[in-house]
Amino acid sequence: MRRWRKKLNGITSHSSDWESQPLRHRCRTIGKVAAAIAKRAEDLTALSLTDQRLDPVETITAELLPTCSALRFIGRQGSRVLRTRAYNALGRPAWLWGVRSRVHRKPRGQVLVLGTWNYPIFLPGVQAAQALAAGNTVLWKPAVGCEQVTTCLIDAFHEAGVPRSALRMLASDAASAIEAIDKGVDLIVLTGASETGRKVLRQAAETLTPAIMELSGCDAVVVLPGADITRVAECIVFGLRFNAGATCIAPRRIIAEQHEADLLRAALVELLDQSDLVTVHVAARAAVAKRISNAISVGAVDILGQFDGARLLDSGKMSPVLLDSVKPCDEIAAADLFAPVTSFLRV
């Protein structure tokens, strides 16, 4: 099938030889990527080690295993999920009794995947795999600093049978993403901070380009009366330390009644009082320092008393931060931070 590109009202559509492959073949090809990744497991693990991620076990458990699981699922179930579906008259009103319909899944065309630095394998890897299984072509822009691990991962896709024309890597700088959107893509997929999402949406709005965005979050731990405080404290500490706190599922808010909050505060102080310093990613340091400082300035209490904003900005190093007396309206109570920070919200 020849390649074609069609413009309608300034919006560009793309197609490729990859789209013309049978759905089952595409899904099985994506499923084979898991084996290609397994062959490169040591290389991918080594390339994922950074100042923020020092433990190779985190890469294996949080990136390689779930990525391979997702790829195998696509290989086994993708064609069933994406198959054409027929709908008959059952359950329709009488005046539509004679209507028959079929739903066909058509690829969007060219998908731009904007990778993230905190999970450079799992998040963009699965997003690219899903887009490819559906017959799209993918432009993959890695986060700055993730060029080598992304190259290794894309090589696994190519080895498994994904054509180079269907999956291409862009430069890691923001200008490459801006240029790709200007030239015309059919869908943008982004995982990142809310401010990054705003910037991308502003540009996408100019061409009405659809976008799928996962813009972090501010996850809460709700501590019920009678909870096992020791276990809760251990889980919170694990969440704060995992990937140096640079994960969107880290415990950012602790919501508890006064009694449980007091008990948990004491347990967390005991566990975190002598914690080692962690390194905050350069892209997150300024926002983390600003929001913690702002919170303290409006009444939040630095329980451990170890926050040093100047050190964080200069070296990227910080101790875990526990804040008490945080109000629901405070900025930090809804902030998407990529560092080991959590706040007590007493109820």
C-alpha atoms as a PDB file:
ATOM      1  CA  MET A   1       0.000   0.000   0.000  1.00  0.00           C
ATOM      2  CA  ARG A   2       1.552   3.290  -1.015  1.00  0.00           C
ATOM      3  CA  ARG A   3       2.058   6.011   1.505  1.00  0.00           C
ATOM      4  CA  TRP A   4      -0.276   8.935   1.338  1.00  0.00           C
ATOM      5  CA  ARG A   5      -0.853  12.210   3.074  1.00  0.00           C
ATOM      6  CA  LYS A   6      -4.024  14.238   2.878  1.00  0.00           C
ATOM      7  CA  LYS A   7      -4.652  17.757   4.113  1.00  0.00           C
ATOM      8  CA  LEU A   8      -8.050  18.976   5.243  1.00  0.00           C
ATOM      9  CA  ASN A   9      -8.386  22.471   6.661  1.00  0.00           C
ATOM     10  CA  GLY A  10      -4.707  22.526   7.534  1.00  0.00           C
ATOM     11  CA  ILE A  11      -4.820  19.180   9.360  1.00  0.00           C
ATOM     12  CA  THR A  12      -2.554  16.486   7.973  1.00  0.00           C
ATOM     13  CA  SER A  13      -3.406  12.773   7.927  1.00  0.00           C
ATOM     14  CA  HIS A  14      -0.782  10.070   7.514  1.00  0.00           C
ATOM     15  CA  SER A  15      -0.831   6.437   6.440  1.00  0.00           C
ATOM     16  CA  SER A  16       1.854   3.795   5.895  1.00  0.00           C
ATOM     17  CA  ASP A  17       2.629   0.259   4.817  1.00  0.00           C
ATOM     18  CA  TRP A  18       2.443  -0.698   8.488  1.00  0.00           C
ATOM     19  CA  GLU A  19      -1.268   0.186   8.572  1.00  0.00           C
ATOM     20  CA  SER A  20      -1.911  -2.165   5.655  1.00  0.00           C
ATOM     21  CA  GLN A  21      -0.597  -5.159   7.622  1.00  0.00           C
ATOM     22  CA  PRO A  22      -3.295  -7.434   9.070  1.00  0.00           C
ATOM     23  CA  LEU A  23      -4.349  -6.501  12.585  1.00  0.00           C
ATOM     24  CA  ARG A  24      -3.362  -9.894  13.987  1.00  0.00           C
ATOM     25  CA  HIS A  25       0.113  -9.575  12.433  1.00  0.00           C
ATOM     26  CA  ARG A  26       0.640  -6.121  13.941  1.00  0.00           C
ATOM     27  CA  CYS A  27      -0.400  -7.269  17.416  1.00  0.00           C
ATOM     28  CA  ARG A  28       1.746 -10.377  17.270  1.00  0.00           C
ATOM     29  CA  THR A  29       4.704  -8.277  16.174  1.00  0.00           C
ATOM     30  CA  ILE A  30       4.223  -5.993  19.156  1.00  0.00           C
ATOM     31  CA  GLY A  31       3.989  -9.055  21.392  1.00  0.00           C
ATOM     32  CA  LYS A  32       7.411 -10.188  20.164  1.00  0.00           C
ATOM     33  CA  VAL A  33       8.971  -6.950  21.404  1.00  0.00           C
ATOM     34  CA  ALA A  34       8.817  -8.373  24.947  1.00  0.00           C
ATOM     35  CA  ALA A  35      11.382 -11.039  24.050  1.00  0.00           C
ATOM     36  CA  ALA A  36      13.593  -8.446  22.371  1.00  0.00           C
ATOM     37  CA  ILE A  37      13.445  -6.333  25.534  1.00  0.00           C
ATOM     38  CA  ALA A  38      14.325  -9.348  27.671  1.00  0.00           C
ATOM     39  CA  LYS A  39      17.486  -9.802  25.603  1.00  0.00           C
ATOM     40  CA  ARG A  40      18.411  -6.205  26.358  1.00  0.00           C
ATOM     41  CA  ALA A  41      17.350  -6.237  30.021  1.00  0.00           C
ATOM     42  CA  GLU A  42      20.825  -5.652  31.407  1.00  0.00           C
ATOM     43  CA  ASP A  43      21.545  -2.827  28.971  1.00  0.00           C
ATOM     44  CA  LEU A  44      18.188  -1.161  29.575  1.00  0.00           C
ATOM     45  CA  THR A  45      18.643  -1.436  33.333  1.00  0.00           C
ATOM     46  CA  ALA A  46      22.128   0.064  33.193  1.00  0.00           C
ATOM     47  CA  LEU A  47      21.028   2.900  30.917  1.00  0.00           C
ATOM     48  CA  SER A  48      18.148   3.727  33.278  1.00  0.00           C
ATOM     49  CA  LEU A  49      20.395   4.340  36.279  1.00  0.00           C
ATOM     50  CA  THR A  50      20.555   8.036  37.132  1.00  0.00           C
ATOM     51  CA  ASP A  51      21.132  10.249  40.151  1.00  0.00           C
ATOM     52  CA  GLN A  52      17.411   9.805  40.882  1.00  0.00           C
ATOM     53  CA  ARG A  53      17.282   6.044  40.337  1.00  0.00           C
ATOM     54  CA  LEU A  54      20.178   4.238  41.936  1.00  0.00           C
ATOM     55  CA  ASP A  55      18.580   0.834  42.469  1.00  0.00           C
ATOM     56  CA  PRO A  56      18.397  -1.445  39.401  1.00  0.00           C
ATOM     57  CA  VAL A  57      15.574  -3.380  41.066  1.00  0.00           C
ATOM     58  CA  GLU A  58      13.325  -0.346  40.582  1.00  0.00           C
ATOM     59  CA  THR A  59      13.927  -0.431  36.823  1.00  0.00           C
ATOM     60  CA  ILE A  60      13.214  -4.157  36.648  1.00  0.00           C
ATOM     61  CA  THR A  61      10.035  -4.073  38.729  1.00  0.00           C
ATOM     62  CA  ALA A  62       8.586  -0.687  37.747  1.00  0.00           C
ATOM     63  CA  GLU A  63       9.597  -0.576  34.090  1.00  0.00           C
ATOM     64  CA  LEU A  64      10.757  -3.792  32.419  1.00  0.00           C
ATOM     65  CA  LEU A  65       8.263  -6.233  33.917  1.00  0.00           C
ATOM     66  CA  PRO A  66       5.114  -4.114  33.388  1.00  0.00           C
ATOM     67  CA  THR A  67       6.260  -3.102  29.895  1.00  0.00           C
ATOM     68  CA  CYS A  68       6.763  -6.722  28.850  1.00  0.00           C
ATOM     69  CA  SER A  69       3.444  -7.673  30.431  1.00  0.00           C
ATOM     70  CA  ALA A  70       1.657  -4.971  28.430  1.00  0.00           C
ATOM     71  CA  LEU A  71       3.377  -6.050  25.207  1.00  0.00           C
ATOM     72  CA  ARG A  72       2.427  -9.694  25.742  1.00  0.00           C
ATOM     73  CA  PHE A  73      -1.168  -8.637  26.399  1.00  0.00           C
ATOM     74  CA  ILE A  74      -1.243  -6.803  23.067  1.00  0.00           C
ATOM     75  CA  GLY A  75       0.184  -9.870  21.371  1.00  0.00           C
ATOM     76  CA  ARG A  76      -2.489 -12.144  22.860  1.00  0.00           C
ATOM     77  CA  GLN A  77      -5.548  -9.914  23.095  1.00  0.00           C
ATOM     78  CA  GLY A  78      -4.922  -6.879  20.885  1.00  0.00           C
ATOM     79  CA  SER A  79      -6.644  -8.217  17.799  1.00  0.00           C
ATOM     80  CA  ARG A  80      -9.716  -9.130  19.850  1.00  0.00           C
ATOM     81  CA  VAL A  81      -9.891  -5.675  21.432  1.00  0.00           C
ATOM     82  CA  LEU A  82      -9.487  -3.872  18.083  1.00  0.00           C
ATOM     83  CA  ARG A  83     -11.540  -6.169  15.860  1.00  0.00           C
ATOM     84  CA  THR A  84     -14.523  -4.935  13.860  1.00  0.00           C
ATOM     85  CA  ARG A  85     -17.713  -5.287  15.871  1.00  0.00           C
ATOM     86  CA  ALA A  86     -21.213  -5.830  14.527  1.00  0.00           C
ATOM     87  CA  TYR A  87     -24.275  -4.534  16.391  1.00  0.00           C
ATOM     88  CA  ASN A  88     -27.721  -5.961  15.742  1.00  0.00           C
ATOM     89  CA  ALA A  89     -31.199  -4.796  16.657  1.00  0.00           C
ATOM     90  CA  LEU A  90     -31.143  -6.216  20.178  1.00  0.00           C
ATOM     91  CA  GLY A  91     -31.858  -3.507  22.726  1.00  0.00           C
ATOM     92  CA  ARG A  92     -32.740  -0.818  20.193  1.00  0.00           C
ATOM     93  CA  PRO A  93     -35.987   1.155  20.018  1.00  0.00           C
ATOM     94  CA  ALA A  94     -38.589  -0.197  17.598  1.00  0.00           C
ATOM     95  CA  TRP A  95     -38.115   2.597  15.078  1.00  0.00           C
ATOM     96  CA  LEU A  96     -34.458   1.504  14.632  1.00  0.00           C
ATOM     97  CA  TRP A  97     -35.340  -2.176  14.363  1.00  0.00           C
ATOM     98  CA  GLY A  98     -34.074  -2.575  10.808  1.00  0.00           C
ATOM     99  CA  VAL A  99     -30.778  -0.765  11.364  1.00  0.00           C
ATOM    100  CA  ARG A 100     -27.550  -2.756  11.348  1.00  0.00           C
ATOM    101  CA  SER A 101     -24.139  -1.255  12.106  1.00  0.00           C
ATOM    102  CA  ARG A 102     -20.524  -2.237  12.210  1.00  0.00           C
ATOM    103  CA  VAL A 103     -17.770  -0.402  14.070  1.00  0.00           C
ATOM    104  CA  HIS A 104     -14.402  -0.406  12.298  1.00  0.00           C
ATOM    105  CA  ARG A 105     -11.246   0.753  14.087  1.00  0.00           C
ATOM    106  CA  LYS A 106      -9.229   3.082  11.871  1.00  0.00           C
ATOM    107  CA  PRO A 107      -5.756   4.326  12.776  1.00  0.00           C
ATOM    108  CA  ARG A 108      -5.467   8.037  13.403  1.00  0.00           C
ATOM    109  CA  GLY A 109      -2.265   8.253  11.363  1.00  0.00           C
ATOM    110  CA  GLN A 110       0.900   9.682  12.893  1.00  0.00           C
ATOM    111  CA  VAL A 111       1.127   9.709  16.683  1.00  0.00           C
ATOM    112  CA  LEU A 112       3.631  11.885  18.535  1.00  0.00           C
ATOM    113  CA  VAL A 113       4.676  10.305  21.852  1.00  0.00           C
ATOM    114  CA  LEU A 114       6.349  12.767  24.227  1.00  0.00           C
ATOM    115  CA  GLY A 115       8.390  10.673  26.644  1.00  0.00           C
ATOM    116  CA  THR A 116       9.001  11.323  30.309  1.00  0.00           C
ATOM    117  CA  TRP A 117      12.231  11.227  32.292  1.00  0.00           C
ATOM    118  CA  ASN A 118      10.998   9.469  35.427  1.00  0.00           C
ATOM    119  CA  TYR A 119       9.797   6.307  33.625  1.00  0.00           C
ATOM    120  CA  PRO A 120      11.497   6.394  30.199  1.00  0.00           C
ATOM    121  CA  ILE A 121      10.768   2.737  29.365  1.00  0.00           C
ATOM    122  CA  PHE A 122       7.315   1.856  30.660  1.00  0.00           C
ATOM    123  CA  LEU A 123       5.269   4.963  29.930  1.00  0.00           C
ATOM    124  CA  PRO A 124       6.333   5.914  26.380  1.00  0.00           C
ATOM    125  CA  GLY A 125       7.068   2.274  25.534  1.00  0.00           C
ATOM    126  CA  VAL A 126       3.507   1.112  26.179  1.00  0.00           C
ATOM    127  CA  GLN A 127       2.037   4.217  24.544  1.00  0.00           C
ATOM    128  CA  ALA A 128       4.065   3.602  21.383  1.00  0.00           C
ATOM    129  CA  ALA A 129       3.149  -0.093  21.410  1.00  0.00           C
ATOM    130  CA  GLN A 130      -0.575   0.616  21.643  1.00  0.00           C
ATOM    131  CA  ALA A 131      -0.408   3.181  18.843  1.00  0.00           C
ATOM    132  CA  LEU A 132       1.534   0.796  16.613  1.00  0.00           C
ATOM    133  CA  ALA A 133      -0.789  -2.144  17.264  1.00  0.00           C
ATOM    134  CA  ALA A 134      -3.684   0.012  16.082  1.00  0.00           C
ATOM    135  CA  GLY A 135      -1.876   0.691  12.788  1.00  0.00           C
ATOM    136  CA  ASN A 136      -0.478   4.144  13.474  1.00  0.00           C
ATOM    137  CA  THR A 137       3.040   5.342  12.842  1.00  0.00           C
ATOM    138  CA  VAL A 138       4.893   6.806  15.832  1.00  0.00           C
ATOM    139  CA  LEU A 139       7.266   9.695  16.337  1.00  0.00           C
ATOM    140  CA  TRP A 140       8.940   9.204  19.731  1.00  0.00           C
ATOM    141  CA  LYS A 141      10.537  12.194  21.438  1.00  0.00           C
ATOM    142  CA  PRO A 142      12.479  11.069  24.515  1.00  0.00           C
ATOM    143  CA  ALA A 143      12.978  13.260  27.534  1.00  0.00           C
ATOM    144  CA  VAL A 144      16.313  15.023  27.793  1.00  0.00           C
ATOM    145  CA  GLY A 145      18.833  12.608  29.299  1.00  0.00           C
ATOM    146  CA  CYS A 146      16.909   9.518  28.148  1.00  0.00           C
ATOM    147  CA  GLU A 147      18.304   9.333  24.618  1.00  0.00           C
ATOM    148  CA  GLN A 148      20.390   6.184  25.107  1.00  0.00           C
ATOM    149  CA  VAL A 149      17.774   4.098  26.896  1.00  0.00           C
ATOM    150  CA  THR A 150      15.182   5.151  24.314  1.00  0.00           C
ATOM    151  CA  THR A 151      17.463   4.157  21.432  1.00  0.00           C
ATOM    152  CA  CYS A 152      17.991   0.741  23.011  1.00  0.00           C
ATOM    153  CA  LEU A 153      14.250   0.297  23.503  1.00  0.00           C
ATOM    154  CA  ILE A 154      13.378   1.362  19.955  1.00  0.00           C
ATOM    155  CA  ASP A 155      15.970  -1.110  18.657  1.00  0.00           C
ATOM    156  CA  ALA A 156      13.975  -3.842  20.404  1.00  0.00           C
ATOM    157  CA  PHE A 157      10.829  -2.779  18.499  1.00  0.00           C
ATOM    158  CA  HIS A 158      12.706  -2.828  15.203  1.00  0.00           C
ATOM    159  CA  GLU A 159      14.262  -6.232  15.908  1.00  0.00           C
ATOM    160  CA  ALA A 160      10.812  -7.676  16.615  1.00  0.00           C
ATOM    161  CA  GLY A 161       9.616  -6.594  13.173  1.00  0.00           C
ATOM    162  CA  VAL A 162       8.264  -3.064  13.520  1.00  0.00           C
ATOM    163  CA  PRO A 163       9.438  -1.190  10.388  1.00  0.00           C
ATOM    164  CA  ARG A 164      11.796   1.719  10.903  1.00  0.00           C
ATOM    165  CA  SER A 165       9.399   3.838   8.875  1.00  0.00           C
ATOM    166  CA  ALA A 166       6.641   3.131  11.420  1.00  0.00           C
ATOM    167  CA  LEU A 167       8.644   4.027  14.529  1.00  0.00           C
ATOM    168  CA  ARG A 168      11.149   6.876  14.497  1.00  0.00           C
ATOM    169  CA  MET A 169      12.970   8.677  17.281  1.00  0.00           C
ATOM    170  CA  LEU A 170      13.181  12.448  17.375  1.00  0.00           C
ATOM    171  CA  ALA A 171      15.758  14.607  19.100  1.00  0.00           C
ATOM    172  CA  SER A 172      15.150  15.066  22.821  1.00  0.00           C
ATOM    173  CA  ASP A 173      14.978  18.866  22.892  1.00  0.00           C
ATOM    174  CA  ALA A 174      11.642  20.665  23.107  1.00  0.00           C
ATOM    175  CA  ALA A 175      12.215  22.221  19.681  1.00  0.00           C
ATOM    176  CA  SER A 176      11.839  18.824  17.991  1.00  0.00           C
ATOM    177  CA  ALA A 177       8.377  18.353  19.492  1.00  0.00           C
ATOM    178  CA  ILE A 178       7.355  21.887  18.547  1.00  0.00           C
ATOM    179  CA  GLU A 179       8.530  21.311  14.984  1.00  0.00           C
ATOM    180  CA  ALA A 180       6.716  17.965  14.706  1.00  0.00           C
ATOM    181  CA  ILE A 181       3.435  19.504  15.870  1.00  0.00           C
ATOM    182  CA  ASP A 182       3.888  22.424  13.465  1.00  0.00           C
ATOM    183  CA  LYS A 183       4.442  20.041  10.540  1.00  0.00           C
ATOM    184  CA  GLY A 184       1.295  18.143  11.459  1.00  0.00           C
ATOM    185  CA  VAL A 185       0.614  15.037  13.514  1.00  0.00           C
ATOM    186  CA  ASP A 186      -2.702  13.309  14.074  1.00  0.00           C
ATOM    187  CA  LEU A 187      -2.484  12.706  17.822  1.00  0.00           C
ATOM    188  CA  ILE A 188      -0.230  13.844  20.660  1.00  0.00           C
ATOM    189  CA  VAL A 189       0.384  11.610  23.679  1.00  0.00           C
ATOM    190  CA  LEU A 190       2.091  13.234  26.650  1.00  0.00           C
ATOM    191  CA  THR A 191       3.014  12.175  30.146  1.00  0.00           C
ATOM    192  CA  GLY A 192       4.438  15.004  32.200  1.00  0.00           C
ATOM    193  CA  ALA A 193       3.897  17.934  34.494  1.00  0.00           C
ATOM    194  CA  SER A 194       0.796  20.124  34.282  1.00  0.00           C
ATOM    195  CA  GLU A 195       2.797  23.122  33.059  1.00  0.00           C
ATOM    196  CA  THR A 196       4.191  21.066  30.176  1.00  0.00           C
ATOM    197  CA  GLY A 197       0.655  20.019  29.332  1.00  0.00           C
ATOM    198  CA  ARG A 198      -0.475  23.630  29.140  1.00  0.00           C
ATOM    199  CA  LYS A 199       2.321  24.486  26.709  1.00  0.00           C
ATOM    200  CA  VAL A 200       1.569  21.527  24.450  1.00  0.00           C
ATOM    201  CA  LEU A 201      -2.180  22.187  24.496  1.00  0.00           C
ATOM    202  CA  ARG A 202      -1.657  25.813  23.473  1.00  0.00           C
ATOM    203  CA  GLN A 203       0.216  24.701  20.374  1.00  0.00           C
ATOM    204  CA  ALA A 204      -2.118  21.795  19.622  1.00  0.00           C
ATOM    205  CA  ALA A 205      -5.103  24.132  19.772  1.00  0.00           C
ATOM    206  CA  GLU A 206      -3.820  26.040  16.728  1.00  0.00           C
ATOM    207  CA  THR A 207      -4.401  22.996  14.486  1.00  0.00           C
ATOM    208  CA  LEU A 208      -7.101  21.303  16.595  1.00  0.00           C
ATOM    209  CA  THR A 209      -4.775  18.326  17.053  1.00  0.00           C
ATOM    210  CA  PRO A 210      -6.224  15.787  19.514  1.00  0.00           C
ATOM    211  CA  ALA A 211      -4.133  15.069  22.598  1.00  0.00           C
ATOM    212  CA  ILE A 212      -4.082  12.436  25.324  1.00  0.00           C
ATOM    213  CA  MET A 213      -2.351  13.686  28.451  1.00  0.00           C
ATOM    214  CA  GLU A 214      -1.502  12.209  31.827  1.00  0.00           C
ATOM    215  CA  LEU A 215      -0.383  15.222  33.813  1.00  0.00           C
ATOM    216  CA  SER A 216       0.805  13.724  37.074  1.00  0.00           C
ATOM    217  CA  GLY A 217      -1.302  14.121  40.194  1.00  0.00           C
ATOM    218  CA  CYS A 218      -1.448  14.667  43.938  1.00  0.00           C
ATOM    219  CA  ASP A 219      -2.328  11.278  45.355  1.00  0.00           C
ATOM    220  CA  ALA A 220      -3.780  10.945  48.829  1.00  0.00           C
ATOM    221  CA  VAL A 221      -3.364   8.400  51.608  1.00  0.00           C
ATOM    222  CA  VAL A 222      -6.621   8.226  53.565  1.00  0.00           C
ATOM    223  CA  VAL A 223      -5.959   6.862  57.055  1.00  0.00           C
ATOM    224  CA  LEU A 224      -9.100   5.473  58.662  1.00  0.00           C
ATOM    225  CA  PRO A 225      -9.664   5.228  62.422  1.00  0.00           C
ATOM    226  CA  GLY A 226      -8.194   1.972  63.708  1.00  0.00           C
ATOM    227  CA  ALA A 227      -5.635   1.669  60.911  1.00  0.00           C
ATOM    228  CA  ASP A 228      -2.357  -0.165  61.538  1.00  0.00           C
ATOM    229  CA  ILE A 229      -0.206   2.957  61.968  1.00  0.00           C
ATOM    230  CA  THR A 230       3.093   1.117  61.715  1.00  0.00           C
ATOM    231  CA  ARG A 231       2.129  -0.422  58.399  1.00  0.00           C
ATOM    232  CA  VAL A 232       0.769   2.878  57.073  1.00  0.00           C
ATOM    233  CA  ALA A 233       4.016   4.638  58.005  1.00  0.00           C
ATOM    234  CA  GLU A 234       6.150   1.974  56.305  1.00  0.00           C
ATOM    235  CA  CYS A 235       4.054   2.205  53.131  1.00  0.00           C
ATOM    236  CA  ILE A 236       4.299   6.006  53.046  1.00  0.00           C
ATOM    237  CA  VAL A 237       8.074   5.883  53.498  1.00  0.00           C
ATOM    238  CA  PHE A 238       8.351   3.340  50.679  1.00  0.00           C
ATOM    239  CA  GLY A 239       6.265   5.593  48.433  1.00  0.00           C
ATOM    240  CA  LEU A 240       8.355   8.653  49.253  1.00  0.00           C
ATOM    241  CA  ARG A 241      11.638   6.878  48.547  1.00  0.00           C
ATOM    242  CA  PHE A 242      10.589   4.941  45.448  1.00  0.00           C
ATOM    243  CA  ASN A 243      12.260   6.433  42.376  1.00  0.00           C
ATOM    244  CA  ALA A 244      13.420   9.265  44.680  1.00  0.00           C
ATOM    245  CA  GLY A 245       9.803  10.365  44.956  1.00  0.00           C
ATOM    246  CA  ALA A 246       9.646  11.071  41.215  1.00  0.00           C
ATOM    247  CA  THR A 247       6.460   9.162  40.537  1.00  0.00           C
ATOM    248  CA  CYS A 248       2.892  10.321  40.021  1.00  0.00           C
ATOM    249  CA  ILE A 249       1.584   7.664  42.436  1.00  0.00           C
ATOM    250  CA  ALA A 250       3.685   8.823  45.392  1.00  0.00           C
ATOM    251  CA  PRO A 251       1.840   9.775  48.613  1.00  0.00           C
ATOM    252  CA  ARG A 252       1.515  13.557  48.371  1.00  0.00           C
ATOM    253  CA  ARG A 253      -1.267  14.090  50.945  1.00  0.00           C
ATOM    254  CA  ILE A 254      -2.053  12.252  54.166  1.00  0.00           C
ATOM    255  CA  ILE A 255      -5.704  12.703  55.129  1.00  0.00           C
ATOM    256  CA  ALA A 256      -6.416  11.600  58.689  1.00  0.00           C
ATOM    257  CA  GLU A 257      -8.351  12.488  61.825  1.00  0.00           C
ATOM    258  CA  GLN A 258      -6.431  14.143  64.632  1.00  0.00           C
ATOM    259  CA  HIS A 259      -5.685  10.995  66.663  1.00  0.00           C
ATOM    260  CA  GLU A 260      -4.409   8.952  63.714  1.00  0.00           C
ATOM    261  CA  ALA A 261      -2.508  11.953  62.368  1.00  0.00           C
ATOM    262  CA  ASP A 262      -0.651  12.376  65.667  1.00  0.00           C
ATOM    263  CA  LEU A 263       0.265   8.693  65.836  1.00  0.00           C
ATOM    264  CA  LEU A 264       1.336   8.612  62.196  1.00  0.00           C
ATOM    265  CA  ARG A 265       3.383  11.775  62.548  1.00  0.00           C
ATOM    266  CA  ALA A 266       5.381  10.217  65.379  1.00  0.00           C
ATOM    267  CA  ALA A 267       5.904   6.982  63.428  1.00  0.00           C
ATOM    268  CA  LEU A 268       7.075   8.832  60.316  1.00  0.00           C
ATOM    269  CA  VAL A 269       9.487  11.004  62.286  1.00  0.00           C
ATOM    270  CA  GLU A 270      11.076   7.860  63.717  1.00  0.00           C
ATOM    271  CA  LEU A 271      11.452   6.291  60.276  1.00  0.00           C
ATOM    272  CA  LEU A 272      12.631   9.388  58.401  1.00  0.00           C
ATOM    273  CA  ASP A 273      14.620  11.337  60.981  1.00  0.00           C
ATOM    274  CA  GLN A 274      17.985  10.046  59.722  1.00  0.00           C
ATOM    275  CA  SER A 275      17.104   9.522  56.064  1.00  0.00           C
ATOM    276  CA  ASP A 276      19.759   9.739  53.390  1.00  0.00           C
ATOM    277  CA  LEU A 277      19.662  12.626  50.956  1.00  0.00           C
ATOM    278  CA  VAL A 278      18.081  11.971  47.561  1.00  0.00           C
ATOM    279  CA  THR A 279      18.682  13.744  44.278  1.00  0.00           C
ATOM    280  CA  VAL A 280      15.788  15.622  42.685  1.00  0.00           C
ATOM    281  CA  HIS A 281      15.765  15.782  38.887  1.00  0.00           C
ATOM    282  CA  VAL A 282      16.972  19.073  37.485  1.00  0.00           C
ATOM    283  CA  ALA A 283      13.617  19.637  35.770  1.00  0.00           C
ATOM    284  CA  ALA A 284      11.764  19.473  39.100  1.00  0.00           C
ATOM    285  CA  ARG A 285      14.064  21.288  41.542  1.00  0.00           C
ATOM    286  CA  ALA A 286      12.836  24.848  41.136  1.00  0.00           C
ATOM    287  CA  ALA A 287       9.151  23.943  41.466  1.00  0.00           C
ATOM    288  CA  VAL A 288       9.776  21.724  44.496  1.00  0.00           C
ATOM    289  CA  ALA A 289      11.853  24.360  46.287  1.00  0.00           C
ATOM    290  CA  LYS A 290       9.342  27.114  45.532  1.00  0.00           C
ATOM    291  CA  ARG A 291       6.264  25.194  46.642  1.00  0.00           C
ATOM    292  CA  ILE A 292       7.762  23.911  49.879  1.00  0.00           C
ATOM    293  CA  SER A 293       9.048  27.397  50.747  1.00  0.00           C
ATOM    294  CA  ASN A 294       5.663  28.938  49.936  1.00  0.00           C
ATOM    295  CA  ALA A 295       3.875  26.367  52.085  1.00  0.00           C
ATOM    296  CA  ILE A 296       6.101  27.078  55.071  1.00  0.00           C
ATOM    297  CA  SER A 297       5.660  30.820  54.586  1.00  0.00           C
ATOM    298  CA  VAL A 298       1.860  30.508  54.904  1.00  0.00           C
ATOM    299  CA  GLY A 299       1.919  28.357  58.024  1.00  0.00           C
ATOM    300  CA  ALA A 300       2.917  24.808  57.140  1.00  0.00           C
ATOM    301  CA  VAL A 301       5.285  23.153  59.629  1.00  0.00           C
ATOM    302  CA  ASP A 302       8.436  21.354  58.455  1.00  0.00           C
ATOM    303  CA  ILE A 303       8.164  18.434  60.877  1.00  0.00           C
ATOM    304  CA  LEU A 304      11.662  17.048  60.354  1.00  0.00           C
ATOM    305  CA  GLY A 305      13.248  20.507  60.129  1.00  0.00           C
ATOM    306  CA  GLN A 306      15.640  19.359  57.410  1.00  0.00           C
ATOM    307  CA  PHE A 307      14.415  21.286  54.370  1.00  0.00           C
ATOM    308  CA  ASP A 308      17.143  23.411  52.806  1.00  0.00           C
ATOM    309  CA  GLY A 309      15.916  25.248  49.722  1.00  0.00           C
ATOM    310  CA  ALA A 310      19.315  26.670  48.826  1.00  0.00           C
ATOM    311  CA  ARG A 311      20.936  23.226  48.909  1.00  0.00           C
ATOM    312  CA  LEU A 312      18.149  21.795  46.769  1.00  0.00           C
ATOM    313  CA  LEU A 313      18.599  24.478  44.117  1.00  0.00           C
ATOM    314  CA  ASP A 314      22.401  24.303  44.179  1.00  0.00           C
ATOM    315  CA  SER A 315      23.004  20.540  44.303  1.00  0.00           C
ATOM    316  CA  GLY A 316      19.604  18.915  43.771  1.00  0.00           C
ATOM    317  CA  LYS A 317      19.949  17.133  47.129  1.00  0.00           C
ATOM    318  CA  MET A 318      17.195  17.049  49.735  1.00  0.00           C
ATOM    319  CA  SER A 319      15.910  15.019  52.648  1.00  0.00           C
ATOM    320  CA  PRO A 320      12.318  13.761  52.646  1.00  0.00           C
ATOM    321  CA  VAL A 321       9.939  16.526  53.754  1.00  0.00           C
ATOM    322  CA  LEU A 322       6.914  16.070  56.005  1.00  0.00           C
ATOM    323  CA  LEU A 323       4.612  19.083  56.315  1.00  0.00           C
ATOM    324  CA  ASP A 324       1.935  19.518  58.941  1.00  0.00           C
ATOM    325  CA  SER A 325      -0.749  22.205  59.380  1.00  0.00           C
ATOM    326  CA  VAL A 326      -1.349  22.259  55.636  1.00  0.00           C
ATOM    327  CA  LYS A 327      -4.754  23.621  54.647  1.00  0.00           C
ATOM    328  CA  PRO A 328      -6.774  22.179  51.745  1.00  0.00           C
ATOM    329  CA  CYS A 329      -6.604  25.539  49.958  1.00  0.00           C
ATOM    330  CA  ASP A 330      -2.798  25.691  50.115  1.00  0.00           C
ATOM    331  CA  GLU A 331      -1.008  25.368  46.787  1.00  0.00           C
ATOM    332  CA  ILE A 332       1.046  22.401  47.930  1.00  0.00           C
ATOM    333  CA  ALA A 333      -2.124  20.456  48.790  1.00  0.00           C
ATOM    334  CA  ALA A 334      -2.779  20.012  45.060  1.00  0.00           C
ATOM    335  CA  ALA A 335       0.736  20.251  43.625  1.00  0.00           C
ATOM    336  CA  ASP A 336       2.257  17.696  41.248  1.00  0.00           C
ATOM    337  CA  LEU A 337       5.721  17.381  42.805  1.00  0.00           C
ATOM    338  CA  PHE A 338       8.422  14.938  41.703  1.00  0.00           C
ATOM    339  CA  ALA A 339      10.282  14.707  45.000  1.00  0.00           C
ATOM    340  CA  PRO A 340       9.896  13.012  48.420  1.00  0.00           C
ATOM    341  CA  VAL A 341       7.359  15.462  49.886  1.00  0.00           C
ATOM    342  CA  THR A 342       4.078  14.765  51.676  1.00  0.00           C
ATOM    343  CA  SER A 343       1.629  16.886  53.670  1.00  0.00           C
ATOM    344  CA  PHE A 344      -0.745  16.172  56.558  1.00  0.00           C
ATOM    345  CA  LEU A 345      -4.319  17.338  55.962  1.00  0.00           C
ATOM    346  CA  ARG A 346      -6.109  16.888  59.287  1.00  0.00           C
ATOM    347  CA  VAL A 347      -9.857  16.322  59.232  1.00  0.00           C
END
